Amino acid sequence: MSDVNICVCQLPCGVKGFCKKNDDDSYTIVLNAALDREAQRKTFLHELRHLLHNDFEGVSSVSEKELALAFGI
């Protein structure tokens, strides 16, 4: 896996975090600053699992991958 950057910033209400692939093939995990430390930790681990499972390959969006996981498809 490439480098992983972590950014904590204000995100819209209801968005705990997300990850994205950067142009240099590194990744950035963005966490919502409004979350408490434990919620940020859980969100970080959730987003890191996306990276470790190569969820960026073969799926047009992480949201689609999360829907597939939630509904078992």
Protein backbone atom coordinates (compact mmCIF):
# COMPACT_ATOMS: atom_id res chain seq x y z
CA MET A 1 0.00 0.00 0.00
CA SER A 2 1.14 3.55 -0.70
CA ASP A 3 1.48 6.36 1.81
CA VAL A 4 -1.58 7.27 3.83
CA ASN A 5 -2.22 10.86 4.92
CA ILE A 6 -4.67 11.68 7.69
CA CYS A 7 -6.62 14.93 7.84
CA VAL A 8 -9.05 16.03 10.56
CA CYS A 9 -11.37 18.80 9.42
CA GLN A 10 -14.94 20.05 9.58
CA LEU A 11 -17.26 17.88 7.50
CA PRO A 12 -21.01 18.10 6.95
CA CYS A 13 -23.19 16.76 9.74
CA GLY A 14 -23.63 13.02 9.32
CA VAL A 15 -20.33 12.50 7.48
CA LYS A 16 -17.94 10.71 9.82
CA GLY A 17 -15.13 10.47 7.31
CA PHE A 18 -14.00 9.23 3.95
CA CYS A 19 -10.90 8.13 2.08
CA LYS A 20 -9.69 9.05 -1.35
CA LYS A 21 -6.92 8.04 -3.70
CA ASN A 22 -4.59 10.90 -4.59
CA ASP A 23 -2.96 11.63 -7.95
CA ASP A 24 0.40 10.35 -6.66
CA ASP A 25 -1.19 6.99 -5.70
CA SER A 26 -1.12 7.83 -2.00
CA TYR A 27 -4.34 7.93 -0.01
CA THR A 28 -5.92 10.45 2.32
CA ILE A 29 -8.24 9.52 5.16
CA VAL A 30 -10.38 12.49 6.23
CA LEU A 31 -12.00 12.43 9.67
CA ASN A 32 -14.71 14.75 10.96
CA ALA A 33 -13.31 17.11 13.61
CA ALA A 34 -16.72 17.23 15.33
CA LEU A 35 -16.46 13.56 16.35
CA ASP A 36 -15.07 12.59 19.72
CA ARG A 37 -11.75 10.74 19.85
CA GLU A 38 -13.34 7.27 20.02
CA ALA A 39 -15.65 7.94 17.05
CA GLN A 40 -12.67 9.25 15.06
CA ARG A 41 -10.71 6.10 15.93
CA LYS A 42 -13.56 3.85 14.77
CA THR A 43 -14.00 5.89 11.59
CA PHE A 44 -10.26 5.75 10.89
CA LEU A 45 -10.26 1.95 11.24
CA HIS A 46 -13.34 1.71 8.99
CA GLU A 47 -11.68 3.81 6.28
CA LEU A 48 -8.36 1.98 6.65
CA ARG A 49 -10.18 -1.31 5.99
CA HIS A 50 -11.33 0.13 2.65
CA LEU A 51 -7.69 0.70 1.74
CA LEU A 52 -6.48 -2.68 2.99
CA HIS A 53 -9.21 -4.49 1.05
CA ASN A 54 -8.47 -2.59 -2.19
CA ASP A 55 -12.00 -1.20 -2.27
CA PHE A 56 -10.91 1.38 -4.83
CA GLU A 57 -10.36 -1.33 -7.45
CA GLY A 58 -13.27 -2.40 -9.63
CA VAL A 59 -15.98 -0.33 -7.92
CA SER A 60 -16.96 3.08 -9.19
CA SER A 61 -17.37 4.49 -5.69
CA VAL A 62 -16.78 3.54 -2.09
CA SER A 63 -20.46 4.31 -1.43
CA GLU A 64 -21.40 1.50 -3.82
CA LYS A 65 -19.02 -0.83 -1.99
CA GLU A 66 -20.57 0.10 1.36
CA LEU A 67 -24.06 -0.56 -0.02
CA ALA A 68 -22.91 -3.94 -1.31
CA LEU A 69 -21.48 -4.82 2.11
CA ALA A 70 -24.58 -3.64 3.94
CA PHE A 71 -26.93 -5.70 1.76
CA GLY A 72 -24.66 -8.69 1.23
CA ILE A 73 -24.44 -8.34 -2.54
